[in-house]
Amino acid sequence: MEEDINKLVFSRPVVEFATVAKEYCAYLEGIGGYSRKEFARVMVSLLPLLYYKASLVPQTEPVYEEGNPKHVTEEYYMALSLRIKGLLGEHDAFPEVFDARISETDDQFSASLAEYLSDIYQDLKDFTMIYQKGHIEEMNDALWECMLNFQEYWGIRLANAIRAFHILQYSGIDIESDSSENDEPESEKEIDTSQWIITKRQKDLRDNE
């Protein structure tokens, strides 16, 4: 069994996934050095690659019963999320589409790119920190947990983030500028989604049908 695990954790699909995961984490950790336009451009390329590489990872089963150690603290998670939100500004919020709640109501639900990207980062960082240590069984278990979370949690968030960044990149708007002059926190006011770029594009598509 140990030989099989060794082959799996060092297989090409896993090594390539770990490489892209590490690149994603490193890019977010250096977010302070990028413009909003540059950040969106990189995300348009990096996020689909990350999804593709994750989808190719072979299935495995955990060796140990206890959970894997966590390296991303709540404080760091919050700090990273705030930095991303600060960079994206008003473009951080977007209408969520693939959500079970939509079948229950006609209301739009807003999501945060900063939150989604930070959620993805948290799982990938925990995985890469264990993977790079080279302990076969621990690498296997970290991979198993990361892939389970990909299937059940952050994979759909990654897919939604790809869609949102695609529209930011190719909608023709100037994402470097903020149109809102109102500094009132969004949590304290009703969010108007009618002017969101994604909402406008969805309306155009419906009108053309």
C-alpha atoms as a PDB file:
ATOM      1  CA  MET A   1       0.000   0.000   0.000  1.00  0.00           C
ATOM      2  CA  GLU A   2       2.845   2.378   0.835  1.00  0.00           C
ATOM      3  CA  GLU A   3       4.275   1.871  -2.634  1.00  0.00           C
ATOM      4  CA  ASP A   4       0.925   2.688  -4.218  1.00  0.00           C
ATOM      5  CA  ILE A   5       0.594   5.863  -2.141  1.00  0.00           C
ATOM      6  CA  ASN A   6       4.134   6.875  -3.063  1.00  0.00           C
ATOM      7  CA  LYS A   7       3.343   6.525  -6.760  1.00  0.00           C
ATOM      8  CA  LEU A   8       0.128   8.488  -6.382  1.00  0.00           C
ATOM      9  CA  VAL A   9       1.443  11.496  -4.451  1.00  0.00           C
ATOM     10  CA  PHE A  10       4.367  11.858  -6.857  1.00  0.00           C
ATOM     11  CA  SER A  11       2.326  11.188  -9.982  1.00  0.00           C
ATOM     12  CA  ARG A  12       2.333  13.812 -12.690  1.00  0.00           C
ATOM     13  CA  PRO A  13      -1.262  15.026 -12.116  1.00  0.00           C
ATOM     14  CA  VAL A  14      -0.624  15.527  -8.397  1.00  0.00           C
ATOM     15  CA  VAL A  15       2.742  17.246  -8.859  1.00  0.00           C
ATOM     16  CA  GLU A  16       1.264  19.586 -11.463  1.00  0.00           C
ATOM     17  CA  PHE A  17      -1.714  20.380  -9.232  1.00  0.00           C
ATOM     18  CA  ALA A  18       0.597  21.079  -6.292  1.00  0.00           C
ATOM     19  CA  THR A  19       2.701  23.366  -8.493  1.00  0.00           C
ATOM     20  CA  VAL A  20      -0.287  25.433  -9.646  1.00  0.00           C
ATOM     21  CA  ALA A  21      -1.691  25.498  -6.104  1.00  0.00           C
ATOM     22  CA  LYS A  22       1.607  26.849  -4.790  1.00  0.00           C
ATOM     23  CA  GLU A  23       1.684  29.475  -7.546  1.00  0.00           C
ATOM     24  CA  TYR A  24      -1.856  30.566  -6.684  1.00  0.00           C
ATOM     25  CA  CYS A  25      -1.001  30.945  -2.999  1.00  0.00           C
ATOM     26  CA  ALA A  26       2.207  32.842  -3.762  1.00  0.00           C
ATOM     27  CA  TYR A  27       0.370  35.230  -6.058  1.00  0.00           C
ATOM     28  CA  LEU A  28      -2.261  36.094  -3.469  1.00  0.00           C
ATOM     29  CA  GLU A  29       0.407  36.539  -0.810  1.00  0.00           C
ATOM     30  CA  GLY A  30       2.040  39.179  -3.012  1.00  0.00           C
ATOM     31  CA  ILE A  31      -1.206  40.954  -3.863  1.00  0.00           C
ATOM     32  CA  GLY A  32       0.077  44.296  -2.629  1.00  0.00           C
ATOM     33  CA  GLY A  33       2.335  44.616  -5.654  1.00  0.00           C
ATOM     34  CA  TYR A  34      -0.352  44.389  -8.347  1.00  0.00           C
ATOM     35  CA  SER A  35      -2.770  46.773  -9.958  1.00  0.00           C
ATOM     36  CA  ARG A  36      -6.431  45.820 -10.136  1.00  0.00           C
ATOM     37  CA  LYS A  37      -6.189  45.330 -13.897  1.00  0.00           C
ATOM     38  CA  GLU A  38      -3.129  43.105 -13.600  1.00  0.00           C
ATOM     39  CA  PHE A  39      -4.748  41.066 -10.842  1.00  0.00           C
ATOM     40  CA  ALA A  40      -7.858  40.426 -12.943  1.00  0.00           C
ATOM     41  CA  ARG A  41      -5.751  39.493 -15.963  1.00  0.00           C
ATOM     42  CA  VAL A  42      -3.777  36.904 -13.995  1.00  0.00           C
ATOM     43  CA  MET A  43      -6.885  35.462 -12.345  1.00  0.00           C
ATOM     44  CA  VAL A  44      -8.510  34.938 -15.761  1.00  0.00           C
ATOM     45  CA  SER A  45      -5.611  32.633 -16.654  1.00  0.00           C
ATOM     46  CA  LEU A  46      -4.686  31.109 -13.303  1.00  0.00           C
ATOM     47  CA  LEU A  47      -8.121  30.131 -11.984  1.00  0.00           C
ATOM     48  CA  PRO A  48      -9.156  27.965 -14.982  1.00  0.00           C
ATOM     49  CA  LEU A  49      -5.747  26.277 -14.899  1.00  0.00           C
ATOM     50  CA  LEU A  50      -6.198  25.543 -11.202  1.00  0.00           C
ATOM     51  CA  TYR A  51      -9.635  24.031 -11.805  1.00  0.00           C
ATOM     52  CA  TYR A  52      -8.324  21.916 -14.676  1.00  0.00           C
ATOM     53  CA  LYS A  53      -5.382  20.557 -12.690  1.00  0.00           C
ATOM     54  CA  ALA A  54      -7.586  19.800  -9.671  1.00  0.00           C
ATOM     55  CA  SER A  55     -10.018  17.868 -11.863  1.00  0.00           C
ATOM     56  CA  LEU A  56      -7.206  15.546 -13.007  1.00  0.00           C
ATOM     57  CA  VAL A  57      -6.012  14.507  -9.547  1.00  0.00           C
ATOM     58  CA  PRO A  58      -6.555  10.758  -8.995  1.00  0.00           C
ATOM     59  CA  GLN A  59      -8.725   9.596  -6.119  1.00  0.00           C
ATOM     60  CA  THR A  60      -7.106   8.443  -2.900  1.00  0.00           C
ATOM     61  CA  GLU A  61      -8.147   7.459   0.611  1.00  0.00           C
ATOM     62  CA  PRO A  62      -6.811   8.752   3.946  1.00  0.00           C
ATOM     63  CA  VAL A  63      -4.256   6.761   5.936  1.00  0.00           C
ATOM     64  CA  TYR A  64      -4.762   8.342   9.353  1.00  0.00           C
ATOM     65  CA  GLU A  65      -8.020   8.809  11.226  1.00  0.00           C
ATOM     66  CA  GLU A  66      -7.122  12.170  12.732  1.00  0.00           C
ATOM     67  CA  GLY A  67      -7.440  15.332  10.677  1.00  0.00           C
ATOM     68  CA  ASN A  68      -4.612  17.199   8.986  1.00  0.00           C
ATOM     69  CA  PRO A  69      -2.879  20.132  10.714  1.00  0.00           C
ATOM     70  CA  LYS A  70      -4.004  23.621   9.677  1.00  0.00           C
ATOM     71  CA  HIS A  71      -1.542  26.361   8.818  1.00  0.00           C
ATOM     72  CA  VAL A  72      -3.805  29.246   7.782  1.00  0.00           C
ATOM     73  CA  THR A  73      -5.039  31.052  10.887  1.00  0.00           C
ATOM     74  CA  GLU A  74      -8.337  32.908  11.064  1.00  0.00           C
ATOM     75  CA  GLU A  75      -6.403  36.161  11.471  1.00  0.00           C
ATOM     76  CA  TYR A  76      -4.387  35.585   8.330  1.00  0.00           C
ATOM     77  CA  TYR A  77      -7.490  34.530   6.409  1.00  0.00           C
ATOM     78  CA  MET A  78      -9.274  37.753   7.376  1.00  0.00           C
ATOM     79  CA  ALA A  79      -6.236  39.891   6.591  1.00  0.00           C
ATOM     80  CA  LEU A  80      -5.871  38.327   3.132  1.00  0.00           C
ATOM     81  CA  SER A  81      -9.569  38.699   2.402  1.00  0.00           C
ATOM     82  CA  LEU A  82      -9.468  42.396   3.333  1.00  0.00           C
ATOM     83  CA  ARG A  83      -6.427  42.983   1.123  1.00  0.00           C
ATOM     84  CA  ILE A  84      -8.138  41.381  -1.868  1.00  0.00           C
ATOM     85  CA  LYS A  85     -11.337  43.310  -1.206  1.00  0.00           C
ATOM     86  CA  GLY A  86      -9.354  46.523  -0.919  1.00  0.00           C
ATOM     87  CA  LEU A  87      -7.727  45.904  -4.297  1.00  0.00           C
ATOM     88  CA  LEU A  88     -10.950  44.997  -6.111  1.00  0.00           C
ATOM     89  CA  GLY A  89     -13.026  47.780  -4.561  1.00  0.00           C
ATOM     90  CA  GLU A  90     -16.576  47.877  -5.865  1.00  0.00           C
ATOM     91  CA  HIS A  91     -15.763  44.993  -8.224  1.00  0.00           C
ATOM     92  CA  ASP A  92     -15.433  42.573  -5.327  1.00  0.00           C
ATOM     93  CA  ALA A  93     -19.190  41.937  -5.141  1.00  0.00           C
ATOM     94  CA  PHE A  94     -20.926  39.936  -7.835  1.00  0.00           C
ATOM     95  CA  PRO A  95     -24.297  38.120  -8.149  1.00  0.00           C
ATOM     96  CA  GLU A  96     -23.971  34.447  -7.304  1.00  0.00           C
ATOM     97  CA  VAL A  97     -25.528  32.103  -9.844  1.00  0.00           C
ATOM     98  CA  PHE A  98     -24.880  28.465  -8.959  1.00  0.00           C
ATOM     99  CA  ASP A  99     -26.535  28.471  -5.563  1.00  0.00           C
ATOM    100  CA  ALA A 100     -29.374  26.268  -4.351  1.00  0.00           C
ATOM    101  CA  ARG A 101     -31.020  29.279  -2.707  1.00  0.00           C
ATOM    102  CA  ILE A 102     -31.903  30.741  -6.111  1.00  0.00           C
ATOM    103  CA  SER A 103     -34.457  27.981  -6.665  1.00  0.00           C
ATOM    104  CA  GLU A 104     -36.244  29.095  -3.514  1.00  0.00           C
ATOM    105  CA  THR A 105     -36.560  32.801  -4.310  1.00  0.00           C
ATOM    106  CA  ASP A 106     -36.287  35.306  -7.133  1.00  0.00           C
ATOM    107  CA  ASP A 107     -33.910  37.503  -5.150  1.00  0.00           C
ATOM    108  CA  GLN A 108     -30.258  37.940  -6.177  1.00  0.00           C
ATOM    109  CA  PHE A 109     -27.568  36.853  -3.743  1.00  0.00           C
ATOM    110  CA  SER A 110     -24.320  38.754  -3.769  1.00  0.00           C
ATOM    111  CA  ALA A 111     -20.998  36.995  -3.286  1.00  0.00           C
ATOM    112  CA  SER A 112     -17.533  38.318  -2.573  1.00  0.00           C
ATOM    113  CA  LEU A 113     -14.563  37.488  -4.788  1.00  0.00           C
ATOM    114  CA  ALA A 114     -12.283  38.227  -1.843  1.00  0.00           C
ATOM    115  CA  GLU A 115     -14.086  35.656   0.286  1.00  0.00           C
ATOM    116  CA  TYR A 116     -14.095  33.057  -2.482  1.00  0.00           C
ATOM    117  CA  LEU A 117     -10.415  33.507  -3.309  1.00  0.00           C
ATOM    118  CA  SER A 118      -9.496  33.383   0.378  1.00  0.00           C
ATOM    119  CA  ASP A 119     -11.503  30.184   0.885  1.00  0.00           C
ATOM    120  CA  ILE A 120      -9.640  28.570  -2.004  1.00  0.00           C
ATOM    121  CA  TYR A 121      -6.343  29.862  -0.641  1.00  0.00           C
ATOM    122  CA  GLN A 122      -7.009  28.403   2.803  1.00  0.00           C
ATOM    123  CA  ASP A 123      -7.397  24.838   1.517  1.00  0.00           C
ATOM    124  CA  LEU A 124      -4.565  25.084  -0.997  1.00  0.00           C
ATOM    125  CA  LYS A 125      -2.138  26.609   1.479  1.00  0.00           C
ATOM    126  CA  ASP A 126      -2.862  23.936   4.083  1.00  0.00           C
ATOM    127  CA  PHE A 127      -2.322  21.285   1.392  1.00  0.00           C
ATOM    128  CA  THR A 128       0.912  22.702  -0.033  1.00  0.00           C
ATOM    129  CA  MET A 129       2.447  23.262   3.398  1.00  0.00           C
ATOM    130  CA  ILE A 130       2.037  19.563   4.177  1.00  0.00           C
ATOM    131  CA  TYR A 131       2.861  18.346   0.673  1.00  0.00           C
ATOM    132  CA  GLN A 132       6.225  20.081   0.517  1.00  0.00           C
ATOM    133  CA  LYS A 133       7.406  18.347   3.703  1.00  0.00           C
ATOM    134  CA  GLY A 134       7.721  15.058   1.825  1.00  0.00           C
ATOM    135  CA  HIS A 135       6.101  12.698   4.375  1.00  0.00           C
ATOM    136  CA  ILE A 136       4.258  10.277   2.122  1.00  0.00           C
ATOM    137  CA  GLU A 137       1.279   9.381   4.323  1.00  0.00           C
ATOM    138  CA  GLU A 138       0.735  13.000   5.377  1.00  0.00           C
ATOM    139  CA  MET A 139       1.006  14.150   1.757  1.00  0.00           C
ATOM    140  CA  ASN A 140      -1.608  11.583   0.794  1.00  0.00           C
ATOM    141  CA  ASP A 141      -4.013  12.634   3.528  1.00  0.00           C
ATOM    142  CA  ALA A 142      -3.574  16.324   2.738  1.00  0.00           C
ATOM    143  CA  LEU A 143      -4.305  15.580  -0.919  1.00  0.00           C
ATOM    144  CA  TRP A 144      -7.387  13.546   0.008  1.00  0.00           C
ATOM    145  CA  GLU A 145      -8.796  16.344   2.175  1.00  0.00           C
ATOM    146  CA  CYS A 146      -8.031  19.031  -0.384  1.00  0.00           C
ATOM    147  CA  MET A 147      -9.766  17.072  -3.158  1.00  0.00           C
ATOM    148  CA  LEU A 148     -12.752  16.324  -0.945  1.00  0.00           C
ATOM    149  CA  ASN A 149     -13.119  20.032  -0.243  1.00  0.00           C
ATOM    150  CA  PHE A 150     -12.688  20.771  -3.946  1.00  0.00           C
ATOM    151  CA  GLN A 151     -15.599  18.500  -4.792  1.00  0.00           C
ATOM    152  CA  GLU A 152     -17.859  19.667  -1.984  1.00  0.00           C
ATOM    153  CA  TYR A 153     -16.910  23.269  -1.285  1.00  0.00           C
ATOM    154  CA  TRP A 154     -14.301  25.396  -3.011  1.00  0.00           C
ATOM    155  CA  GLY A 155     -14.581  23.903  -6.506  1.00  0.00           C
ATOM    156  CA  ILE A 156     -17.923  25.612  -7.147  1.00  0.00           C
ATOM    157  CA  ARG A 157     -16.560  28.831  -5.690  1.00  0.00           C
ATOM    158  CA  LEU A 158     -13.615  28.578  -8.041  1.00  0.00           C
ATOM    159  CA  ALA A 159     -15.981  28.079 -10.976  1.00  0.00           C
ATOM    160  CA  ASN A 160     -18.028  31.132  -9.962  1.00  0.00           C
ATOM    161  CA  ALA A 161     -14.885  33.225  -9.542  1.00  0.00           C
ATOM    162  CA  ILE A 162     -13.761  32.242 -13.062  1.00  0.00           C
ATOM    163  CA  ARG A 163     -17.065  33.511 -14.427  1.00  0.00           C
ATOM    164  CA  ALA A 164     -16.873  36.780 -12.500  1.00  0.00           C
ATOM    165  CA  PHE A 165     -13.293  37.536 -13.539  1.00  0.00           C
ATOM    166  CA  HIS A 166     -14.076  36.656 -17.149  1.00  0.00           C
ATOM    167  CA  ILE A 167     -16.746  39.339 -17.247  1.00  0.00           C
ATOM    168  CA  LEU A 168     -14.517  41.875 -15.472  1.00  0.00           C
ATOM    169  CA  GLN A 169     -11.754  41.201 -17.982  1.00  0.00           C
ATOM    170  CA  TYR A 170     -13.800  41.166 -21.187  1.00  0.00           C
ATOM    171  CA  SER A 171     -16.795  43.445 -20.478  1.00  0.00           C
ATOM    172  CA  GLY A 172     -15.003  46.564 -21.693  1.00  0.00           C
ATOM    173  CA  ILE A 173     -15.298  48.499 -18.428  1.00  0.00           C
ATOM    174  CA  ASP A 174     -12.471  50.407 -16.790  1.00  0.00           C
ATOM    175  CA  ILE A 175     -11.965  48.272 -13.707  1.00  0.00           C
ATOM    176  CA  GLU A 176      -9.249  50.587 -12.402  1.00  0.00           C
ATOM    177  CA  SER A 177     -11.865  53.203 -11.530  1.00  0.00           C
ATOM    178  CA  ASP A 178     -14.596  53.108  -8.883  1.00  0.00           C
ATOM    179  CA  SER A 179     -17.897  54.708  -9.852  1.00  0.00           C
ATOM    180  CA  SER A 180     -19.363  54.827  -6.351  1.00  0.00           C
ATOM    181  CA  GLU A 181     -18.847  57.948  -4.260  1.00  0.00           C
ATOM    182  CA  ASN A 182     -20.838  56.565  -1.317  1.00  0.00           C
ATOM    183  CA  ASP A 183     -18.591  55.359   1.499  1.00  0.00           C
ATOM    184  CA  GLU A 184     -21.444  53.780   3.450  1.00  0.00           C
ATOM    185  CA  PRO A 185     -20.571  50.142   4.236  1.00  0.00           C
ATOM    186  CA  GLU A 186     -22.474  47.663   2.055  1.00  0.00           C
ATOM    187  CA  SER A 187     -23.538  45.741   5.142  1.00  0.00           C
ATOM    188  CA  GLU A 188     -25.517  48.789   6.285  1.00  0.00           C
ATOM    189  CA  LYS A 189     -27.381  49.548   3.084  1.00  0.00           C
ATOM    190  CA  GLU A 190     -29.477  47.722   0.535  1.00  0.00           C
ATOM    191  CA  ILE A 191     -27.307  46.553  -2.359  1.00  0.00           C
ATOM    192  CA  ASP A 192     -28.498  47.618  -5.790  1.00  0.00           C
ATOM    193  CA  THR A 193     -27.443  44.926  -8.270  1.00  0.00           C
ATOM    194  CA  SER A 194     -28.992  46.570 -11.323  1.00  0.00           C
ATOM    195  CA  GLN A 195     -25.763  48.303 -12.302  1.00  0.00           C
ATOM    196  CA  TRP A 196     -23.480  45.318 -11.802  1.00  0.00           C
ATOM    197  CA  ILE A 197     -21.733  44.367 -15.013  1.00  0.00           C
ATOM    198  CA  ILE A 198     -22.745  40.718 -14.679  1.00  0.00           C
ATOM    199  CA  THR A 199     -26.390  41.677 -14.074  1.00  0.00           C
ATOM    200  CA  LYS A 200     -26.385  43.891 -17.172  1.00  0.00           C
ATOM    201  CA  ARG A 201     -24.897  41.135 -19.312  1.00  0.00           C
ATOM    202  CA  GLN A 202     -27.473  38.654 -18.054  1.00  0.00           C
ATOM    203  CA  LYS A 203     -30.276  41.103 -18.887  1.00  0.00           C
ATOM    204  CA  ASP A 204     -28.853  41.624 -22.401  1.00  0.00           C
ATOM    205  CA  LEU A 205     -28.808  37.880 -22.971  1.00  0.00           C
ATOM    206  CA  ARG A 206     -32.428  37.527 -21.822  1.00  0.00           C
ATOM    207  CA  ASP A 207     -33.535  40.432 -24.040  1.00  0.00           C
ATOM    208  CA  ASN A 208     -31.905  38.829 -27.082  1.00  0.00           C
ATOM    209  CA  GLU A 209     -33.632  35.481 -26.574  1.00  0.00           C
END
